[in-house]
Amino acid sequence: MAALTIRNVDDALKQALRIRAAQHGVSMEEEARRILRDALVRVTQPQPLGQRLKQRFAEVADADFQLPPRQPTRTPPNWDAVRDETP
């Protein structure tokens, strides 16, 4: 395992880490490892696109959307007739 030293940590931040570690019943080092692990796992494993879109548009998902009426399909062009007309 690698070692990591973090210098110039604000006293208030260190105290908050100490309190949080005590609340979870672990050492400050273990709490710092957990915080780093949780933060980095979220960054490296993004949510799948479908789930992100569902979350983004959740507020309009219940809206009643009306589909436009369908039009009859067009008759495809007759390319043979076009070719025969070309000089």
PDB file of N, CA and C in Angstrom:
ATOM      1  N   MET A   1       0.838  -1.186   0.000  1.00  0.00           N
ATOM      2  CA  MET A   1       0.000   0.000   0.000  1.00  0.00           C
ATOM      3  C   MET A   1       0.879   1.242   0.000  1.00  0.00           C
ATOM      4  N   ALA A   2       0.374   2.258  -0.659  1.00  0.00           N
ATOM      5  CA  ALA A   2       1.095   3.523  -0.720  1.00  0.00           C
ATOM      6  C   ALA A   2       0.738   4.392   0.477  1.00  0.00           C
ATOM      7  N   ALA A   3       1.631   5.294   0.804  1.00  0.00           N
ATOM      8  CA  ALA A   3       1.387   6.253   1.883  1.00  0.00           C
ATOM      9  C   ALA A   3       1.130   7.612   1.263  1.00  0.00           C
ATOM     10  N   LEU A   4       0.308   8.404   1.924  1.00  0.00           N
ATOM     11  CA  LEU A   4      -0.053   9.728   1.423  1.00  0.00           C
ATOM     12  C   LEU A   4       0.050  10.708   2.576  1.00  0.00           C
ATOM     13  N   THR A   5       0.776  11.789   2.365  1.00  0.00           N
ATOM     14  CA  THR A   5       0.907  12.827   3.377  1.00  0.00           C
ATOM     15  C   THR A   5       0.227  14.081   2.850  1.00  0.00           C
ATOM     16  N   ILE A   6      -0.645  14.654   3.650  1.00  0.00           N
ATOM     17  CA  ILE A   6      -1.339  15.885   3.249  1.00  0.00           C
ATOM     18  C   ILE A   6      -0.890  16.990   4.189  1.00  0.00           C
ATOM     19  N   ARG A   7      -0.274  18.007   3.625  1.00  0.00           N
ATOM     20  CA  ARG A   7       0.242  19.115   4.427  1.00  0.00           C
ATOM     21  C   ARG A   7      -0.682  20.319   4.337  1.00  0.00           C
ATOM     22  N   ASN A   8      -0.516  21.228   5.269  1.00  0.00           N
ATOM     23  CA  ASN A   8      -1.231  22.504   5.295  1.00  0.00           C
ATOM     24  C   ASN A   8      -2.748  22.331   5.340  1.00  0.00           C
ATOM     25  N   VAL A   9      -3.201  21.409   6.179  1.00  0.00           N
ATOM     26  CA  VAL A   9      -4.641  21.225   6.381  1.00  0.00           C
ATOM     27  C   VAL A   9      -5.099  22.231   7.424  1.00  0.00           C
ATOM     28  N   ASP A  10      -6.161  22.921   7.118  1.00  0.00           N
ATOM     29  CA  ASP A  10      -6.725  23.917   8.026  1.00  0.00           C
ATOM     30  C   ASP A  10      -7.128  23.244   9.342  1.00  0.00           C
ATOM     31  N   ASP A  11      -6.917  23.933  10.472  1.00  0.00           N
ATOM     32  CA  ASP A  11      -7.239  23.360  11.784  1.00  0.00           C
ATOM     33  C   ASP A  11      -8.711  22.999  11.898  1.00  0.00           C
ATOM     34  N   ALA A  12      -9.588  23.822  11.348  1.00  0.00           N
ATOM     35  CA  ALA A  12     -11.029  23.543  11.414  1.00  0.00           C
ATOM     36  C   ALA A  12     -11.370  22.282  10.615  1.00  0.00           C
ATOM     37  N   LEU A  13     -10.714  22.099   9.476  1.00  0.00           N
ATOM     38  CA  LEU A  13     -10.946  20.912   8.657  1.00  0.00           C
ATOM     39  C   LEU A  13     -10.461  19.661   9.380  1.00  0.00           C
ATOM     40  N   LYS A  14      -9.302  19.769  10.020  1.00  0.00           N
ATOM     41  CA  LYS A  14      -8.766  18.633  10.776  1.00  0.00           C
ATOM     42  C   LYS A  14      -9.700  18.266  11.931  1.00  0.00           C
ATOM     43  N   GLN A  15     -10.213  19.272  12.607  1.00  0.00           N
ATOM     44  CA  GLN A  15     -11.136  19.032  13.717  1.00  0.00           C
ATOM     45  C   GLN A  15     -12.430  18.379  13.218  1.00  0.00           C
ATOM     46  N   ALA A  16     -12.928  18.837  12.066  1.00  0.00           N
ATOM     47  CA  ALA A  16     -14.145  18.251  11.493  1.00  0.00           C
ATOM     48  C   ALA A  16     -13.900  16.790  11.114  1.00  0.00           C
ATOM     49  N   LEU A  17     -12.723  16.498  10.587  1.00  0.00           N
ATOM     50  CA  LEU A  17     -12.376  15.118  10.244  1.00  0.00           C
ATOM     51  C   LEU A  17     -12.302  14.255  11.499  1.00  0.00           C
ATOM     52  N   ARG A  18     -11.727  14.799  12.557  1.00  0.00           N
ATOM     53  CA  ARG A  18     -11.621  14.068  13.826  1.00  0.00           C
ATOM     54  C   ARG A  18     -13.016  13.745  14.374  1.00  0.00           C
ATOM     55  N   ILE A  19     -13.917  14.709  14.322  1.00  0.00           N
ATOM     56  CA  ILE A  19     -15.281  14.502  14.829  1.00  0.00           C
ATOM     57  C   ILE A  19     -16.017  13.474  13.970  1.00  0.00           C
ATOM     58  N   ARG A  20     -15.894  13.606  12.676  1.00  0.00           N
ATOM     59  CA  ARG A  20     -16.570  12.666  11.769  1.00  0.00           C
ATOM     60  C   ARG A  20     -16.052  11.239  11.961  1.00  0.00           C
ATOM     61  N   ALA A  21     -14.734  11.106  12.139  1.00  0.00           N
ATOM     62  CA  ALA A  21     -14.150   9.788  12.383  1.00  0.00           C
ATOM     63  C   ALA A  21     -14.682   9.205  13.689  1.00  0.00           C
ATOM     64  N   ALA A  22     -14.779  10.035  14.722  1.00  0.00           N
ATOM     65  CA  ALA A  22     -15.293   9.561  16.012  1.00  0.00           C
ATOM     66  C   ALA A  22     -16.753   9.128  15.888  1.00  0.00           C
ATOM     67  N   GLN A  23     -17.533   9.860  15.107  1.00  0.00           N
ATOM     68  CA  GLN A  23     -18.942   9.501  14.904  1.00  0.00           C
ATOM     69  C   GLN A  23     -19.079   8.144  14.213  1.00  0.00           C
ATOM     70  N   HIS A  24     -18.138   7.839  13.328  1.00  0.00           N
ATOM     71  CA  HIS A  24     -18.172   6.566  12.616  1.00  0.00           C
ATOM     72  C   HIS A  24     -17.376   5.472  13.326  1.00  0.00           C
ATOM     73  N   GLY A  25     -16.718   5.834  14.410  1.00  0.00           N
ATOM     74  CA  GLY A  25     -15.982   4.845  15.191  1.00  0.00           C
ATOM     75  C   GLY A  25     -14.717   4.348  14.523  1.00  0.00           C
ATOM     76  N   VAL A  26     -14.073   5.203  13.741  1.00  0.00           N
ATOM     77  CA  VAL A  26     -12.839   4.818  13.056  1.00  0.00           C
ATOM     78  C   VAL A  26     -11.781   5.888  13.293  1.00  0.00           C
ATOM     79  N   SER A  27     -10.564   5.580  12.890  1.00  0.00           N
ATOM     80  CA  SER A  27      -9.481   6.549  13.026  1.00  0.00           C
ATOM     81  C   SER A  27      -9.636   7.662  11.992  1.00  0.00           C
ATOM     82  N   MET A  28      -8.906   8.733  12.204  1.00  0.00           N
ATOM     83  CA  MET A  28      -8.927   9.836  11.231  1.00  0.00           C
ATOM     84  C   MET A  28      -8.395   9.356   9.887  1.00  0.00           C
ATOM     85  N   GLU A  29      -7.383   8.527   9.897  1.00  0.00           N
ATOM     86  CA  GLU A  29      -6.821   8.001   8.649  1.00  0.00           C
ATOM     87  C   GLU A  29      -7.860   7.189   7.883  1.00  0.00           C
ATOM     88  N   GLU A  30      -8.566   6.311   8.599  1.00  0.00           N
ATOM     89  CA  GLU A  30      -9.590   5.482   7.951  1.00  0.00           C
ATOM     90  C   GLU A  30     -10.715   6.355   7.397  1.00  0.00           C
ATOM     91  N   GLU A  31     -11.106   7.357   8.154  1.00  0.00           N
ATOM     92  CA  GLU A  31     -12.174   8.254   7.683  1.00  0.00           C
ATOM     93  C   GLU A  31     -11.723   9.005   6.438  1.00  0.00           C
ATOM     94  N   ALA A  32     -10.467   9.459   6.411  1.00  0.00           N
ATOM     95  CA  ALA A  32      -9.941  10.149   5.226  1.00  0.00           C
ATOM     96  C   ALA A  32      -9.918   9.195   4.028  1.00  0.00           C
ATOM     97  N   ARG A  33      -9.522   7.934   4.250  1.00  0.00           N
ATOM     98  CA  ARG A  33      -9.536   6.949   3.160  1.00  0.00           C
ATOM     99  C   ARG A  33     -10.954   6.747   2.633  1.00  0.00           C
ATOM    100  N   ARG A  34     -11.920   6.649   3.530  1.00  0.00           N
ATOM    101  CA  ARG A  34     -13.316   6.458   3.102  1.00  0.00           C
ATOM    102  C   ARG A  34     -13.820   7.648   2.289  1.00  0.00           C
ATOM    103  N   ILE A  35     -13.497   8.832   2.753  1.00  0.00           N
ATOM    104  CA  ILE A  35     -13.936  10.040   2.035  1.00  0.00           C
ATOM    105  C   ILE A  35     -13.325  10.075   0.646  1.00  0.00           C
ATOM    106  N   LEU A  36     -12.035   9.826   0.551  1.00  0.00           N
ATOM    107  CA  LEU A  36     -11.372   9.808  -0.756  1.00  0.00           C
ATOM    108  C   LEU A  36     -11.950   8.725  -1.661  1.00  0.00           C
ATOM    109  N   ARG A  37     -12.134   7.529  -1.109  1.00  0.00           N
ATOM    110  CA  ARG A  37     -12.667   6.412  -1.902  1.00  0.00           C
ATOM    111  C   ARG A  37     -14.055   6.754  -2.439  1.00  0.00           C
ATOM    112  N   ASP A  38     -14.932   7.256  -1.573  1.00  0.00           N
ATOM    113  CA  ASP A  38     -16.291   7.600  -1.993  1.00  0.00           C
ATOM    114  C   ASP A  38     -16.290   8.690  -3.056  1.00  0.00           C
ATOM    115  N   ALA A  39     -15.450   9.700  -2.867  1.00  0.00           N
ATOM    116  CA  ALA A  39     -15.402  10.804  -3.823  1.00  0.00           C
ATOM    117  C   ALA A  39     -14.883  10.348  -5.178  1.00  0.00           C
ATOM    118  N   LEU A  40     -13.878   9.497  -5.187  1.00  0.00           N
ATOM    119  CA  LEU A  40     -13.276   9.071  -6.439  1.00  0.00           C
ATOM    120  C   LEU A  40     -14.090   8.002  -7.150  1.00  0.00           C
ATOM    121  N   VAL A  41     -14.786   7.172  -6.422  1.00  0.00           N
ATOM    122  CA  VAL A  41     -15.629   6.158  -7.063  1.00  0.00           C
ATOM    123  C   VAL A  41     -16.754   6.842  -7.827  1.00  0.00           C
ATOM    124  N   ARG A  42     -17.347   7.874  -7.257  1.00  0.00           N
ATOM    125  CA  ARG A  42     -18.418   8.603  -7.941  1.00  0.00           C
ATOM    126  C   ARG A  42     -17.923   9.247  -9.219  1.00  0.00           C
ATOM    127  N   VAL A  43     -16.701   9.739  -9.218  1.00  0.00           N
ATOM    128  CA  VAL A  43     -16.157  10.411 -10.394  1.00  0.00           C
ATOM    129  C   VAL A  43     -15.808   9.403 -11.483  1.00  0.00           C
ATOM    130  N   THR A  44     -15.247   8.269 -11.104  1.00  0.00           N
ATOM    131  CA  THR A  44     -14.785   7.322 -12.108  1.00  0.00           C
ATOM    132  C   THR A  44     -15.875   6.397 -12.615  1.00  0.00           C
ATOM    133  N   GLN A  45     -17.005   6.285 -11.937  1.00  0.00           N
ATOM    134  CA  GLN A  45     -18.083   5.421 -12.378  1.00  0.00           C
ATOM    135  C   GLN A  45     -19.354   6.238 -12.547  1.00  0.00           C
ATOM    136  N   PRO A  46     -19.446   6.981 -13.657  1.00  0.00           N
ATOM    137  CA  PRO A  46     -20.624   7.813 -13.849  1.00  0.00           C
ATOM    138  C   PRO A  46     -21.869   6.956 -14.082  1.00  0.00           C
ATOM    139  N   GLN A  47     -22.985   7.568 -13.847  1.00  0.00           N
ATOM    140  CA  GLN A  47     -24.258   6.901 -14.056  1.00  0.00           C
ATOM    141  C   GLN A  47     -24.469   6.676 -15.550  1.00  0.00           C
ATOM    142  N   PRO A  48     -25.092   5.572 -15.936  1.00  0.00           N
ATOM    143  CA  PRO A  48     -25.362   5.347 -17.359  1.00  0.00           C
ATOM    144  C   PRO A  48     -26.220   6.471 -17.948  1.00  0.00           C
ATOM    145  N   LEU A  49     -26.067   6.708 -19.238  1.00  0.00           N
ATOM    146  CA  LEU A  49     -26.742   7.818 -19.907  1.00  0.00           C
ATOM    147  C   LEU A  49     -28.251   7.777 -19.726  1.00  0.00           C
ATOM    148  N   GLY A  50     -28.855   6.614 -19.870  1.00  0.00           N
ATOM    149  CA  GLY A  50     -30.303   6.516 -19.728  1.00  0.00           C
ATOM    150  C   GLY A  50     -30.778   6.971 -18.360  1.00  0.00           C
ATOM    151  N   GLN A  51     -30.051   6.590 -17.319  1.00  0.00           N
ATOM    152  CA  GLN A  51     -30.431   6.994 -15.966  1.00  0.00           C
ATOM    153  C   GLN A  51     -30.223   8.487 -15.752  1.00  0.00           C
ATOM    154  N   ARG A  52     -29.143   9.035 -16.324  1.00  0.00           N
ATOM    155  CA  ARG A  52     -28.917  10.478 -16.197  1.00  0.00           C
ATOM    156  C   ARG A  52     -30.023  11.271 -16.888  1.00  0.00           C
ATOM    157  N   LEU A  53     -30.447  10.805 -18.084  1.00  0.00           N
ATOM    158  CA  LEU A  53     -31.520  11.490 -18.796  1.00  0.00           C
ATOM    159  C   LEU A  53     -32.833  11.389 -18.033  1.00  0.00           C
ATOM    160  N   LYS A  54     -33.091  10.233 -17.463  1.00  0.00           N
ATOM    161  CA  LYS A  54     -34.323  10.040 -16.695  1.00  0.00           C
ATOM    162  C   LYS A  54     -34.351  10.990 -15.500  1.00  0.00           C
ATOM    163  N   GLN A  55     -33.214  11.139 -14.813  1.00  0.00           N
ATOM    164  CA  GLN A  55     -33.131  12.066 -13.685  1.00  0.00           C
ATOM    165  C   GLN A  55     -33.317  13.504 -14.136  1.00  0.00           C
ATOM    166  N   ARG A  56     -32.665  13.858 -15.231  1.00  0.00           N
ATOM    167  CA  ARG A  56     -32.708  15.240 -15.702  1.00  0.00           C
ATOM    168  C   ARG A  56     -34.121  15.667 -16.075  1.00  0.00           C
ATOM    169  N   PHE A  57     -34.889  14.759 -16.678  1.00  0.00           N
ATOM    170  CA  PHE A  57     -36.217  15.109 -17.154  1.00  0.00           C
ATOM    171  C   PHE A  57     -37.318  14.526 -16.273  1.00  0.00           C
ATOM    172  N   ALA A  58     -37.003  14.166 -15.038  1.00  0.00           N
ATOM    173  CA  ALA A  58     -37.972  13.559 -14.136  1.00  0.00           C
ATOM    174  C   ALA A  58     -39.161  14.479 -13.884  1.00  0.00           C
ATOM    175  N   GLU A  59     -38.926  15.781 -13.814  1.00  0.00           N
ATOM    176  CA  GLU A  59     -40.029  16.692 -13.494  1.00  0.00           C
ATOM    177  C   GLU A  59     -41.043  16.808 -14.626  1.00  0.00           C
ATOM    178  N   VAL A  60     -40.646  16.532 -15.853  1.00  0.00           N
ATOM    179  CA  VAL A  60     -41.593  16.589 -16.964  1.00  0.00           C
ATOM    180  C   VAL A  60     -42.026  15.199 -17.414  1.00  0.00           C
ATOM    181  N   ALA A  61     -41.542  14.170 -16.739  1.00  0.00           N
ATOM    182  CA  ALA A  61     -41.853  12.802 -17.147  1.00  0.00           C
ATOM    183  C   ALA A  61     -43.338  12.497 -16.988  1.00  0.00           C
ATOM    184  N   ASP A  62     -44.003  13.153 -16.054  1.00  0.00           N
ATOM    185  CA  ASP A  62     -45.420  12.884 -15.823  1.00  0.00           C
ATOM    186  C   ASP A  62     -46.325  13.706 -16.743  1.00  0.00           C
ATOM    187  N   ALA A  63     -45.741  14.582 -17.527  1.00  0.00           N
ATOM    188  CA  ALA A  63     -46.552  15.408 -18.419  1.00  0.00           C
ATOM    189  C   ALA A  63     -47.236  14.518 -19.458  1.00  0.00           C
ATOM    190  N   ASP A  64     -48.419  14.937 -19.887  1.00  0.00           N
ATOM    191  CA  ASP A  64     -49.179  14.163 -20.868  1.00  0.00           C
ATOM    192  C   ASP A  64     -48.849  14.708 -22.253  1.00  0.00           C
ATOM    193  N   PHE A  65     -47.950  14.041 -22.944  1.00  0.00           N
ATOM    194  CA  PHE A  65     -47.550  14.475 -24.274  1.00  0.00           C
ATOM    195  C   PHE A  65     -48.452  13.841 -25.321  1.00  0.00           C
ATOM    196  N   GLN A  66     -48.858  14.633 -26.268  1.00  0.00           N
ATOM    197  CA  GLN A  66     -49.681  14.135 -27.367  1.00  0.00           C
ATOM    198  C   GLN A  66     -48.795  13.929 -28.584  1.00  0.00           C
ATOM    199  N   LEU A  67     -48.880  12.754 -29.168  1.00  0.00           N
ATOM    200  CA  LEU A  67     -48.129  12.493 -30.390  1.00  0.00           C
ATOM    201  C   LEU A  67     -48.838  13.151 -31.563  1.00  0.00           C
ATOM    202  N   PRO A  68     -48.098  13.756 -32.483  1.00  0.00           N
ATOM    203  CA  PRO A  68     -48.750  14.360 -33.641  1.00  0.00           C
ATOM    204  C   PRO A  68     -49.374  13.273 -34.515  1.00  0.00           C
ATOM    205  N   PRO A  69     -50.434  13.604 -35.239  1.00  0.00           N
ATOM    206  CA  PRO A  69     -51.047  12.579 -36.091  1.00  0.00           C
ATOM    207  C   PRO A  69     -50.070  12.154 -37.175  1.00  0.00           C
ATOM    208  N   ARG A  70     -50.136  10.896 -37.528  1.00  0.00           N
ATOM    209  CA  ARG A  70     -49.247  10.369 -38.568  1.00  0.00           C
ATOM    210  C   ARG A  70     -49.779  10.742 -39.939  1.00  0.00           C
ATOM    211  N   GLN A  71     -48.870  10.989 -40.829  1.00  0.00           N
ATOM    212  CA  GLN A  71     -49.214  11.294 -42.216  1.00  0.00           C
ATOM    213  C   GLN A  71     -49.062  10.024 -43.030  1.00  0.00           C
ATOM    214  N   PRO A  72     -49.833   9.890 -44.104  1.00  0.00           N
ATOM    215  CA  PRO A  72     -49.632   8.709 -44.946  1.00  0.00           C
ATOM    216  C   PRO A  72     -48.232   8.743 -45.555  1.00  0.00           C
ATOM    217  N   THR A  73     -47.664   7.578 -45.783  1.00  0.00           N
ATOM    218  CA  THR A  73     -46.315   7.521 -46.340  1.00  0.00           C
ATOM    219  C   THR A  73     -46.328   8.015 -47.784  1.00  0.00           C
ATOM    220  N   ARG A  74     -45.251   8.620 -48.175  1.00  0.00           N
ATOM    221  CA  ARG A  74     -45.134   9.123 -49.543  1.00  0.00           C
ATOM    222  C   ARG A  74     -44.829   7.987 -50.493  1.00  0.00           C
ATOM    223  N   THR A  75     -45.204   8.195 -51.715  1.00  0.00           N
ATOM    224  CA  THR A  75     -44.867   7.220 -52.751  1.00  0.00           C
ATOM    225  C   THR A  75     -43.409   7.446 -53.122  1.00  0.00           C
ATOM    226  N   PRO A  76     -42.594   6.398 -53.102  1.00  0.00           N
ATOM    227  CA  PRO A  76     -41.177   6.589 -53.438  1.00  0.00           C
ATOM    228  C   PRO A  76     -41.028   6.983 -54.906  1.00  0.00           C
ATOM    229  N   PRO A  77     -39.979   7.742 -55.208  1.00  0.00           N
ATOM    230  CA  PRO A  77     -39.782   8.153 -56.602  1.00  0.00           C
ATOM    231  C   PRO A  77     -39.462   6.959 -57.501  1.00  0.00           C
ATOM    232  N   ASN A  78     -39.838   7.083 -58.709  1.00  0.00           N
ATOM    233  CA  ASN A  78     -39.543   6.047 -59.692  1.00  0.00           C
ATOM    234  C   ASN A  78     -38.278   6.485 -60.422  1.00  0.00           C
ATOM    235  N   TRP A  79     -37.148   5.980 -60.005  1.00  0.00           N
ATOM    236  CA  TRP A  79     -35.866   6.422 -60.557  1.00  0.00           C
ATOM    237  C   TRP A  79     -35.685   5.966 -62.004  1.00  0.00           C
ATOM    238  N   ASP A  80     -36.312   4.891 -62.391  1.00  0.00           N
ATOM    239  CA  ASP A  80     -36.216   4.436 -63.785  1.00  0.00           C
ATOM    240  C   ASP A  80     -36.851   5.459 -64.714  1.00  0.00           C
ATOM    241  N   ALA A  81     -37.970   6.030 -64.317  1.00  0.00           N
ATOM    242  CA  ALA A  81     -38.641   7.013 -65.144  1.00  0.00           C
ATOM    243  C   ALA A  81     -37.801   8.276 -65.249  1.00  0.00           C
ATOM    244  N   VAL A  82     -37.140   8.652 -64.184  1.00  0.00           N
ATOM    245  CA  VAL A  82     -36.296   9.858 -64.192  1.00  0.00           C
ATOM    246  C   VAL A  82     -35.101   9.628 -65.118  1.00  0.00           C
ATOM    247  N   ARG A  83     -34.511   8.454 -65.078  1.00  0.00           N
ATOM    248  CA  ARG A  83     -33.356   8.130 -65.904  1.00  0.00           C
ATOM    249  C   ARG A  83     -33.734   8.154 -67.394  1.00  0.00           C
ATOM    250  N   ASP A  84     -34.936   7.693 -67.725  1.00  0.00           N
ATOM    251  CA  ASP A  84     -35.370   7.667 -69.120  1.00  0.00           C
ATOM    252  C   ASP A  84     -35.601   9.064 -69.664  1.00  0.00           C
ATOM    253  N   GLU A  85     -35.924  10.031 -68.817  1.00  0.00           N
ATOM    254  CA  GLU A  85     -36.189  11.392 -69.267  1.00  0.00           C
ATOM    255  C   GLU A  85     -34.933  12.215 -69.458  1.00  0.00           C
ATOM    256  N   THR A  86     -33.793  11.769 -68.916  1.00  0.00           N
ATOM    257  CA  THR A  86     -32.553  12.507 -68.988  1.00  0.00           C
ATOM    258  C   THR A  86     -31.981  12.400 -70.408  1.00  0.00           C
ATOM    259  N   PRO A  87     -31.602  13.569 -71.055  1.00  0.00           N
ATOM    260  CA  PRO A  87     -31.073  13.539 -72.431  1.00  0.00           C
ATOM    261  C   PRO A  87     -29.716  12.908 -72.540  1.00  0.00           C
TER     262      PRO A  87
END
